[in-house]
Every structure is written in structure tokens, then in C-alpha cells.
Protein backbone atom coordinates (compact mmCIF):
# COMPACT_ATOMS: atom_id res chain seq x y z
CA MET A 1 -0.41 0.60 0.13
CA ALA A 2 3.13 2.39 1.15
CA LYS A 3 4.73 1.87 -2.15
CA ARG A 4 0.92 2.57 -4.14
CA ARG A 5 0.76 5.67 -2.55
CA LYS A 6 4.05 7.02 -3.45
CA LEU A 7 3.34 5.97 -7.41
CA LEU A 8 0.26 7.99 -7.28
CA SER A 9 2.11 10.98 -5.89
CA ARG A 10 4.42 10.71 -8.14
CA LYS A 11 2.46 10.70 -11.31
CA LEU A 12 -0.08 13.10 -9.61
CA LEU A 13 2.97 15.44 -8.93
CA SER A 14 4.08 14.73 -12.87
CA GLY A 15 0.62 15.81 -13.96
CA LYS A 16 0.15 12.82 -16.24
CA LEU A 17 -3.28 11.42 -13.71
CA LEU A 18 -4.37 15.19 -13.64
CA LEU A 19 -4.73 14.77 -17.73
CA ASP A 20 -5.91 11.16 -17.78
CA GLY A 21 -9.44 9.44 -16.52
CA PRO A 22 -11.45 10.36 -13.64
CA TRP A 23 -8.33 12.43 -12.04
CA ARG A 24 -9.12 15.42 -13.80
CA ALA A 25 -11.70 15.84 -11.75
CA LEU A 26 -9.06 17.03 -9.29
CA PRO A 27 -8.04 20.54 -11.00
CA VAL A 28 -11.56 21.03 -12.84
CA LEU A 29 -13.42 20.85 -9.33
CA GLY A 30 -10.23 22.80 -7.65
CA VAL A 31 -10.91 26.02 -10.00
CA THR A 32 -15.03 25.75 -9.85
CA GLN A 33 -14.35 25.18 -5.96
CA VAL A 34 -12.89 28.39 -5.43
CA LEU A 35 -14.95 30.21 -8.22
CA ALA A 36 -17.74 28.66 -6.29
CA TRP A 37 -17.37 29.70 -2.73
CA GLY A 38 -15.33 32.94 -3.39
CA SER A 39 -18.57 33.93 -5.04
CA LEU A 40 -21.94 32.86 -3.59
CA ILE A 41 -20.99 32.08 0.01
CA TYR A 42 -18.07 34.32 0.92
CA PRO A 43 -18.87 37.90 -0.73
CA ALA A 44 -22.53 37.79 1.29
CA VAL A 45 -20.32 39.39 4.88
CA LEU A 46 -19.36 42.25 2.71
CA ILE A 47 -22.12 42.87 0.52
CA VAL A 48 -25.34 42.38 2.29
CA PRO A 49 -24.67 45.20 4.86
CA ARG A 50 -23.85 47.65 1.32
CA ILE A 51 -27.19 46.22 -0.12
CA ALA A 52 -28.84 46.78 3.16
CA ALA A 53 -27.52 50.53 3.26
CA GLU A 54 -28.55 51.42 -0.49
CA ARG A 55 -31.80 50.27 0.09
CA GLY A 56 -32.81 51.51 3.54
CA TRP A 57 -33.43 47.56 5.08
CA SER A 58 -32.80 46.88 8.39
CA LEU A 59 -29.42 44.31 8.25
CA SER A 60 -31.22 41.70 10.04
CA PHE A 61 -33.47 42.08 7.05
CA ALA A 62 -30.94 41.78 4.86
CA MET A 63 -29.33 38.55 6.40
CA ALA A 64 -32.14 36.61 6.42
CA GLY A 65 -31.95 36.65 1.90
CA TYR A 66 -28.68 35.07 2.94
CA SER A 67 -30.49 32.50 5.59
CA ALA A 68 -33.06 31.56 3.01
CA ALA A 69 -30.43 30.73 0.23
CA LEU A 70 -29.06 28.41 2.87
CA LEU A 71 -32.46 26.99 3.47
CA ALA A 72 -33.14 26.77 0.17
CA GLY A 73 -30.46 25.10 -0.67
CA GLY A 74 -30.53 22.44 2.08
CA LEU A 75 -34.60 21.89 0.22
CA VAL A 76 -33.34 21.01 -2.89
CA ALA A 77 -29.69 19.12 -1.84
CA PRO A 78 -31.64 15.93 -2.03
CA LEU A 79 -32.71 16.35 -5.23
CA VAL A 80 -29.34 17.97 -6.20
CA GLY A 81 -27.13 14.42 -5.12
CA ARG A 82 -30.05 11.71 -6.76
CA THR A 83 -29.25 13.53 -10.09
CA ILE A 84 -25.66 13.87 -10.05
CA ASP A 85 -25.99 9.66 -9.41
CA ARG A 86 -28.00 9.47 -12.03
CA ARG A 87 -26.70 12.20 -14.92
CA GLY A 88 -23.57 12.99 -13.70
CA GLY A 89 -21.99 16.11 -12.17
CA HIS A 90 -20.94 17.36 -15.69
CA GLU A 91 -24.73 18.45 -15.96
CA VAL A 92 -25.28 19.32 -12.49
CA MET A 93 -22.71 21.31 -11.18
CA THR A 94 -22.78 22.99 -14.76
CA ALA A 95 -26.18 23.93 -14.24
CA GLY A 96 -25.26 25.26 -10.99
CA ALA A 97 -22.55 27.68 -12.27
CA LEU A 98 -25.50 28.97 -14.58
CA ILE A 99 -27.94 29.41 -11.51
CA GLY A 100 -25.76 31.26 -9.07
CA ALA A 101 -24.44 33.75 -11.71
CA ALA A 102 -28.65 34.53 -12.23
CA GLY A 103 -29.12 34.43 -8.89
CA LEU A 104 -26.32 37.09 -8.44
CA VAL A 105 -27.82 38.97 -11.28
CA GLY A 106 -31.18 38.81 -9.86
CA LEU A 107 -29.37 40.72 -6.90
CA THR A 108 -28.13 42.98 -8.49
CA LEU A 109 -31.66 44.37 -10.33
CA ALA A 110 -33.96 43.01 -6.91
CA VAL A 111 -35.14 46.72 -5.60
CA HIS A 112 -38.47 44.58 -3.72
CA PRO A 113 -38.01 43.09 -0.79
CA VAL A 114 -39.48 39.76 -2.62
CA ALA A 115 -37.54 39.61 -5.43
CA TYR A 116 -34.20 40.11 -3.25
CA VAL A 117 -35.77 37.05 -1.02
CA ALA A 118 -36.31 34.89 -4.01
CA ALA A 119 -32.95 36.00 -6.26
CA TRP A 120 -31.34 34.79 -2.53
CA ALA A 121 -33.32 31.34 -2.86
CA VAL A 122 -31.94 30.98 -6.49
CA VAL A 123 -28.42 31.62 -5.24
CA GLY A 124 -28.89 28.66 -2.32
CA VAL A 125 -30.45 26.36 -5.69
CA ALA A 126 -27.05 27.04 -6.68
CA MET A 127 -24.81 26.24 -4.03
CA ALA A 128 -26.39 23.20 -3.81
CA ALA A 129 -24.97 22.44 -7.04
CA SER A 130 -22.09 23.62 -6.56
CA LEU A 131 -20.12 23.75 -3.55
CA TYR A 132 -18.88 20.40 -1.66
CA GLU A 133 -21.38 18.28 -1.23
CA SER A 134 -21.95 18.52 -5.32
CA ALA A 135 -17.89 17.78 -5.71
CA PHE A 136 -17.59 15.20 -3.32
CA ALA A 137 -20.78 13.39 -4.39
CA THR A 138 -19.23 13.77 -8.05
CA LEU A 139 -15.85 12.08 -6.77
CA GLY A 140 -17.99 9.44 -5.00
CA ARG A 141 -19.17 8.77 -8.49
CA LEU A 142 -16.29 8.95 -10.75
CA PHE A 143 -13.71 6.98 -8.04
CA GLY A 144 -16.42 4.89 -6.50
CA ALA A 145 -14.29 3.11 -3.02
CA ALA A 146 -11.62 5.17 -3.90
CA ALA A 147 -13.12 8.68 -3.64
CA ARG A 148 -11.10 9.45 -0.21
CA ARG A 149 -8.10 10.41 -1.33
CA PRO A 150 -9.27 12.53 -4.16
CA ILE A 151 -11.92 13.81 -1.49
CA THR A 152 -9.52 15.03 0.81
CA LEU A 153 -6.92 16.73 -2.20
CA LEU A 154 -10.32 18.55 -3.13
CA THR A 155 -10.33 20.45 0.23
CA PHE A 156 -6.71 21.48 0.26
CA VAL A 157 -8.19 23.90 -2.84
CA GLY A 158 -11.30 24.73 -1.27
CA GLY A 159 -9.74 26.00 1.90
CA LEU A 160 -8.18 29.02 0.08
CA ALA A 161 -10.89 30.34 -1.45
CA SER A 162 -11.69 32.91 1.60
CA THR A 163 -8.39 33.81 1.55
CA VAL A 164 -8.87 34.73 -2.11
CA SER A 165 -12.38 35.83 -2.10
CA TRP A 166 -12.73 38.77 0.51
CA PRO A 167 -9.35 40.89 -0.56
CA ALA A 168 -11.16 40.29 -4.03
CA THR A 169 -14.33 41.01 -2.88
CA ALA A 170 -13.40 43.94 -0.97
CA ALA A 171 -10.85 45.64 -4.03
CA LEU A 172 -13.93 45.04 -6.90
CA ASP A 173 -16.69 47.07 -4.23
CA ALA A 174 -14.31 50.20 -3.99
CA ALA A 175 -13.52 50.14 -7.90
CA LEU A 176 -16.72 48.92 -9.20
CA GLY A 177 -19.21 48.62 -6.62
CA TRP A 178 -21.21 45.94 -4.71
CA ARG A 179 -23.66 45.74 -8.00
CA GLY A 180 -20.08 45.72 -10.72
CA CYS A 181 -18.96 43.07 -7.86
CA LEU A 182 -21.36 40.70 -8.11
CA LEU A 183 -21.58 41.32 -11.66
CA VAL A 184 -17.62 40.08 -12.20
CA TYR A 185 -18.84 36.67 -9.93
CA ALA A 186 -21.93 36.11 -11.89
CA ALA A 187 -19.49 36.32 -15.19
CA LEU A 188 -17.14 34.03 -13.66
CA LEU A 189 -19.30 31.05 -12.90
CA ALA A 190 -21.05 31.45 -16.58
CA GLY A 191 -17.71 31.87 -18.68
CA VAL A 192 -15.08 30.28 -16.47
CA ALA A 193 -16.77 27.34 -14.45
CA ALA A 194 -19.96 26.30 -16.38
CA PRO A 195 -17.66 25.65 -19.44
CA LEU A 196 -14.98 24.10 -17.59
CA LEU A 197 -17.63 22.28 -15.72
CA ALA A 198 -19.38 21.15 -18.87
CA LEU A 199 -16.49 20.12 -21.06
CA ALA A 200 -13.40 19.17 -18.55
CA LEU A 201 -15.37 17.38 -15.80
CA PRO A 202 -14.79 13.47 -16.52
CA ARG A 203 -17.75 11.75 -17.10
CA ARG A 204 -17.35 7.84 -16.61
CA PRO A 205 -18.51 6.58 -13.64
CA ALA A 206 -16.28 4.02 -11.12
CA ASP A 207 -16.98 0.23 -12.05
CA PRO A 208 -19.31 -1.45 -9.42
CA VAL A 209 -16.55 -2.98 -8.06
CA PRO A 210 -14.72 -1.26 -5.85
CA ALA A 211 -11.05 -0.14 -5.83
CA ALA A 212 -7.91 0.29 -3.44
CA ASP A 213 -8.01 3.62 -1.29
CA SER A 214 -4.84 4.99 -3.36
CA GLY A 215 -7.23 5.74 -6.61
CA LEU A 216 -5.30 3.61 -8.47
CA GLY A 217 -7.90 1.28 -9.06
CA SER A 218 -7.26 -2.30 -7.58
CA ALA A 219 -5.41 -5.11 -8.25
CA PRO A 220 -5.23 -9.18 -8.28
CA GLY A 221 -5.43 -10.64 -5.07
CA SER A 222 -6.31 -7.30 -3.69
CA PRO A 223 -8.11 -7.44 -0.11
CA ALA A 224 -12.20 -7.86 -0.07
CA PRO A 225 -14.08 -4.82 -0.40
CA ALA A 226 -14.89 -3.67 3.34
CA PRO A 227 -18.40 -4.17 4.87
CA VAL A 228 -20.68 -1.52 5.30
CA LEU A 229 -23.59 -0.64 6.59
CA PRO A 230 -27.05 0.68 5.35
CA PRO A 231 -27.92 3.64 4.36
CA ARG A 232 -30.54 4.01 6.74
CA GLY A 233 -31.43 3.51 10.43
CA ARG A 234 -29.91 4.14 13.61
CA PRO A 235 -26.71 4.48 12.45
CA PHE A 236 -27.23 7.00 9.27
CA LEU A 237 -29.57 9.32 11.36
CA LEU A 238 -26.91 9.42 14.01
CA VAL A 239 -24.05 10.61 11.01
CA MET A 240 -27.22 13.10 9.87
CA ALA A 241 -27.56 14.77 13.59
CA GLY A 242 -23.87 14.45 14.37
CA PHE A 243 -23.13 16.90 11.46
CA ALA A 244 -26.18 18.96 11.12
CA ALA A 245 -25.40 19.71 15.31
CA TYR A 246 -21.68 20.46 14.22
CA ALA A 247 -23.00 22.89 11.97
CA PHE A 248 -24.47 25.30 14.37
CA VAL A 249 -20.55 26.02 15.28
CA PRO A 250 -19.12 27.22 12.37
CA SER A 251 -22.16 29.02 10.94
CA ALA A 252 -23.14 30.68 14.15
CA LEU A 253 -18.95 31.73 15.49
CA ALA A 254 -18.45 33.37 11.52
CA ALA A 255 -21.58 35.35 12.67
CA HIS A 256 -20.76 36.92 15.90
CA PHE A 257 -17.46 35.94 17.53
CA LEU A 258 -15.66 38.55 15.74
CA ALA A 259 -17.97 40.79 17.35
CA ILE A 260 -17.90 38.97 20.87
CA LEU A 261 -14.08 39.11 21.18
CA GLN A 262 -14.47 43.30 20.60
CA ARG A 263 -17.40 43.31 23.16
CA GLY A 264 -14.79 41.16 25.11
CA GLY A 265 -11.81 43.90 24.79
CA LEU A 266 -10.08 42.87 21.82
CA ASP A 267 -9.91 46.18 19.52
CA PRO A 268 -11.31 45.60 16.11
CA SER A 269 -8.34 45.68 14.23
CA THR A 270 -7.05 43.25 16.44
CA ALA A 271 -9.66 40.69 16.45
CA VAL A 272 -9.86 40.75 12.41
CA LEU A 273 -5.98 39.65 12.64
CA VAL A 274 -6.29 37.12 15.18
CA GLY A 275 -9.55 35.67 13.25
CA MET A 276 -6.89 35.27 9.42
CA LEU A 277 -5.53 32.42 11.32
CA PHE A 278 -8.64 30.72 10.25
CA GLY A 279 -8.13 29.31 6.61
CA PRO A 280 -4.60 28.76 6.90
CA CYS A 281 -5.12 26.04 10.03
CA GLN A 282 -8.05 24.40 8.37
CA VAL A 283 -5.24 23.74 4.93
CA LEU A 284 -2.67 23.35 7.05
CA ALA A 285 -5.14 20.12 9.24
CA ARG A 286 -6.10 18.83 5.89
CA VAL A 287 -2.34 18.62 4.67
CA ALA A 288 -1.64 16.95 7.86
CA GLU A 289 -4.42 14.32 7.48
CA PHE A 290 -3.34 13.66 3.71
CA ALA A 291 0.50 13.17 4.94
CA PHE A 292 0.07 11.15 8.72
CA ALA A 293 -3.83 10.01 8.73
CA GLY A 294 -4.46 8.45 5.18
CA ARG A 295 -5.23 4.94 7.12
CA THR A 296 -7.03 6.85 9.95
CA HIS A 297 -10.55 5.88 9.95
CA PRO A 298 -12.98 8.70 9.25
CA LEU A 299 -14.60 8.09 12.23
CA LEU A 300 -12.02 8.45 14.36
CA LEU A 301 -11.04 11.49 12.98
CA ALA A 302 -14.34 12.80 13.36
CA ARG A 303 -13.91 12.31 16.88
CA PHE A 304 -10.80 14.30 17.23
CA ALA A 305 -11.97 17.31 15.39
CA PHE A 306 -15.22 17.24 17.61
CA GLY A 307 -13.01 16.75 20.06
CA LEU A 308 -10.68 19.11 19.37
CA ILE A 309 -13.38 22.38 18.80
CA LEU A 310 -15.26 21.20 22.28
CA ALA A 311 -11.35 21.40 23.97
CA ALA A 312 -11.19 24.98 21.93
CA PHE A 313 -14.29 26.34 23.77
CA GLY A 314 -13.23 24.71 27.14
CA LEU A 315 -9.93 27.03 26.60
CA LEU A 316 -12.09 30.19 26.04
CA ALA A 317 -13.90 29.61 29.29
CA GLY A 318 -10.71 29.19 31.56
CA ALA A 319 -8.87 31.78 30.08
CA GLY A 320 -10.91 34.17 29.34
CA LEU A 321 -11.23 36.70 26.00
CA SER A 322 -7.39 37.89 25.86
CA VAL A 323 -5.22 37.58 22.41
CA PRO A 324 -3.53 34.63 23.18
CA ALA A 325 -6.35 32.58 24.13
CA ALA A 326 -8.55 33.60 20.85
CA ALA A 327 -5.57 32.75 18.95
CA LEU A 328 -5.09 29.55 20.37
CA PHE A 329 -9.11 29.35 19.80
CA TYR A 330 -8.67 30.15 16.10
CA VAL A 331 -5.96 27.78 15.40
CA MET A 332 -8.00 24.70 16.56
CA PHE A 333 -11.14 26.04 15.77
CA GLY A 334 -9.58 25.98 12.02
CA ALA A 335 -8.01 22.68 12.59
CA SER A 336 -11.05 21.04 13.51
CA ASN A 337 -13.17 22.69 10.86
CA GLY A 338 -11.05 21.97 8.02
CA LEU A 339 -10.74 18.09 9.52
CA VAL A 340 -14.57 18.20 9.39
CA THR A 341 -14.89 19.16 6.32
CA ILE A 342 -12.57 16.32 5.31
CA ALA A 343 -15.22 13.52 7.19
CA ARG A 344 -18.19 14.91 5.71
CA GLY A 345 -17.02 13.63 2.42
CA THR A 346 -15.54 9.81 3.76
CA VAL A 347 -17.55 9.54 6.90
CA PRO A 348 -20.54 8.54 5.08
CA LEU A 349 -17.99 6.69 1.77
CA VAL A 350 -17.14 4.19 4.48
CA LEU A 351 -19.58 3.92 6.17
CA PHE A 352 -22.36 3.26 3.59
CA GLY A 353 -20.41 2.56 0.82
CA PRO A 354 -20.05 4.19 -2.76
CA SER A 355 -23.22 3.44 -4.14
CA GLY A 356 -25.66 5.66 -4.21
CA PHE A 357 -23.22 8.16 -3.20
CA GLY A 358 -24.33 11.37 -4.22
CA VAL A 359 -28.30 10.36 -3.10
CA LEU A 360 -26.79 9.73 0.57
CA VAL A 361 -24.62 13.03 0.21
CA GLY A 362 -27.44 15.33 -0.50
CA ARG A 363 -29.82 13.70 2.45
CA LEU A 364 -26.90 14.02 4.83
CA ALA A 365 -26.12 18.30 3.66
CA ALA A 366 -30.52 19.00 3.77
CA PRO A 367 -30.23 19.83 7.65
CA TRP A 368 -26.71 20.69 7.82
CA LEU A 369 -27.60 23.92 5.07
CA VAL A 370 -30.62 24.11 7.75
CA MET A 371 -28.84 24.53 10.76
CA GLN A 372 -26.11 26.46 9.00
CA ALA A 373 -29.17 28.67 8.09
CA VAL A 374 -30.62 28.77 11.86
CA ALA A 375 -27.63 29.65 13.69
CA PRO A 376 -27.00 33.01 13.35
CA LEU A 377 -30.51 34.02 14.59
CA ALA A 378 -30.31 31.61 17.01
CA MET A 379 -27.26 32.95 18.10
CA ALA A 380 -27.93 36.26 18.40
CA LEU A 381 -31.40 35.79 20.35
CA VAL A 382 -29.29 33.70 22.78
CA ALA A 383 -26.44 36.54 23.01
CA GLU A 384 -29.32 39.66 23.43
CA ARG A 385 -31.40 38.01 26.25
CA THR A 386 -28.43 36.36 28.22
CA SER A 387 -25.22 36.98 27.46
CA ASP A 388 -21.85 36.17 25.11
CA ALA A 389 -20.80 33.25 27.50
CA VAL A 390 -23.85 31.56 27.37
CA ALA A 391 -24.17 31.84 22.93
CA LEU A 392 -20.69 30.47 23.34
CA ALA A 393 -21.72 27.23 26.13
CA VAL A 394 -24.61 26.70 23.53
CA ALA A 395 -22.56 26.33 20.64
CA ALA A 396 -20.13 24.45 22.58
CA GLY A 397 -23.12 22.08 23.67
CA CYS A 398 -23.80 21.07 19.79
CA ALA A 399 -19.99 20.14 19.31
CA GLY A 400 -20.82 18.13 21.86
CA VAL A 401 -23.70 16.66 20.82
CA ALA A 402 -21.78 16.15 17.76
CA LEU A 403 -19.40 14.42 19.19
CA ALA A 404 -21.65 12.22 21.27
CA CYS A 405 -23.68 11.07 18.21
CA PHE A 406 -20.10 9.75 16.64
CA SER A 407 -18.98 8.50 19.54
CA VAL A 408 -22.02 5.56 19.66
CA ILE A 409 -21.55 4.80 16.41
CA ARG A 410 -19.30 1.45 15.05
CA ARG A 411 -17.80 0.59 12.98
CA PRO A 412 -19.50 -2.19 10.58
CA GLY A 413 -18.03 -5.73 10.09
């Protein structure tokens, strides 16, 4: 196995596997994931306040449009997964890029509140068809049981999307205004992402016989496929509940944690500087997983990630909101979130198998997206009616629920 992994690494570095067969999906999805996340997700935190100010709407209503997008994405996610299984990511993700472009154009034109929310709902459909869940489902269809390594490699690139998108959004907003910024992103989705996905993404699904984990295909005398669980019943519900509970944490913290740090005594520039640790730590954790934990069962990876974020909350509770504690929290939070992203693709693959993987990922994505939509409002209500400490305790409790769910799941076999 070690020799086969070294052979895979050499071929990837030489570029041969990235041009032939299913491995061509990695550079295609890498580029399009950066474009999708950078156009549909990350600009909201900078653009939505500008929209609210220009239209005379409250910031809470303007952000409710973004929540409507996440809810719409959760509703269509199972359908997206089924369609990827049936027709392939080259069709579904291409449609997602074009729908995303239409939704962004709609946001620039929407002057009525109903039209504004409707435009965000269109963007939400594009999210379901464009982001990690669709990419993971596409890789599952292309690689079958060997999809773990491609999924991990894809998250390396996706983790850099915020690093690219936030400065780009700020620069475009300053130069062209928020409308011009969104129109540029719409053009990138329609003119770059959609053609790449339609023309360059591989189409041939994996053979029904599972391949070895290295992604090089099975060889004579290779071990029999590992047993899997049925994608229903108690184990599936525990995986669904665990991931949904965790989804509260990054969504709530992304919306409120910088403000909590400022209310705790950190000046705004320091809080932002500390928050910049999150993205690089995500990527470093994913690189470490690929390099050192390739044979670790994804259940153990998920348990470690949930335990790490719980430890980070414990650190804050004990040390308070000082600069060193906040910096260490972001390091641990980034590493945890980076590993959870990998687990979202690999846990269902290993536990339930590659058959119908798109349907499986879509079913798991629906409650994840719904919880992401609910979390910012719920966190705000708790903080306003009680305290920041209680709000952080609620987020920590959700991480604890996730760890509890994954702790009682048993491996098949």
C-alpha cells in the first residue's frame, strides 16, 4: 500500500493523472470550487451590509435573504444528489454555475424585498449544486470506493477560497461598487466555471467493483471490499444528527465571534488579525490528514475534530477572551473545521459505501444547510437575551452533541 501511495503521489506531481481519466476532475473541481465559494458564500459578509444601506433595509432583513439561500439549498440538496448519481456532476454542477450567475444578477436588480429574497433563493439552489456536497458526490461517482484521497485533496484548494475571495470582493466593491462586484462574479461563474464543468469534468462513473483506497484501481489479489452499513436506520440518523449539530458551530461563530471578541475587550483590528488564523489552519490540518492519517478510520478523524473544538471552547471558558486565548482558539477551531470538512465526505463513503453516494450526500447536506441558516439568528437571540458566555456555551453544546453522536456509532463488520 505504501508503494502504491508513493506511485500515486509521483504521478500526481508529474501531472499525468491530472490529465487522464477521473483524476482530471481534481484541477477542474479545484478551480470551480474556489469560484463557487468565492462568488456564492464569502462575499455575503461584505456585500449584504452595502445592499441594506443602499436599499434602506435593516441589516437583519438583508441577512435573512442569505439565510433563505441556505434554506433553499437544504430543500433541493437531496434532489441534487440523486441527479448527480443519475446524470453526473458535469451536468448538475454546470447547471449550478449558471443558476448561480442568474441569482447574482438577480440580486443586482432586486429592489423589492420579495424579489430580493427570491434572488437569494436562486443563489441557494446554486449553492446546493455547486459547493462541496456536489463536488464530493461527483468524486464518489467517478472514483467509487477510492474517492477518499481525491476528496481530501480537493479540500486543500477549497480551503483557500476565503483567502482569495475577501480581498477580491473588497477590491471589486471599491472599484466597481457592490453591483459591479456581483456582476463580475456572475461572469466568472457563467464564463469560466460552467464551461470547465461542462467540457472538462470527466463523465465515466467508476466501475461497480470497489477500487483500492489509493485511487490507482484494484489489483489481482487485493483485499475484499470492507463491509458497509445500510444508509438508513440508527447509524445513518446519528451521522446526520452529528453533522447537523456541528453545522451550528461554524455558522454561528462566523457571524458573531469577531463581535464577541470586540465586546470582550479586543480592538477590531486585532480581532480581525486573530480571525485570519482560521483559514490557514484549516488547510494545514487537511494537509496533515493527507500526509499522516490516510489510513485512520474517518470516524476517528471526526471524533478527534469534534473533541478539538470542544477543547477550544473549554480554553476560552478557562482563560477568558484574551488575545493569546483567542488566537489559540482560532488555531484549534480552524484545524477542527478543516478535518470536519474531510469527514463530511469520507465518513458516509466508508460507513455506507459508494453506491448511491450522491443521494447519501444530498440527504446529509439538507439538515446541515438548514442548521447553518438557523444558527446566526439563534446565536444572536441567545447573546441578546442572556450573555455572550451563554451563547458560546450553546455552540459548545452543539459540538458536544456531535461528538456524542459519533462516539456511539460502531464500524461495520
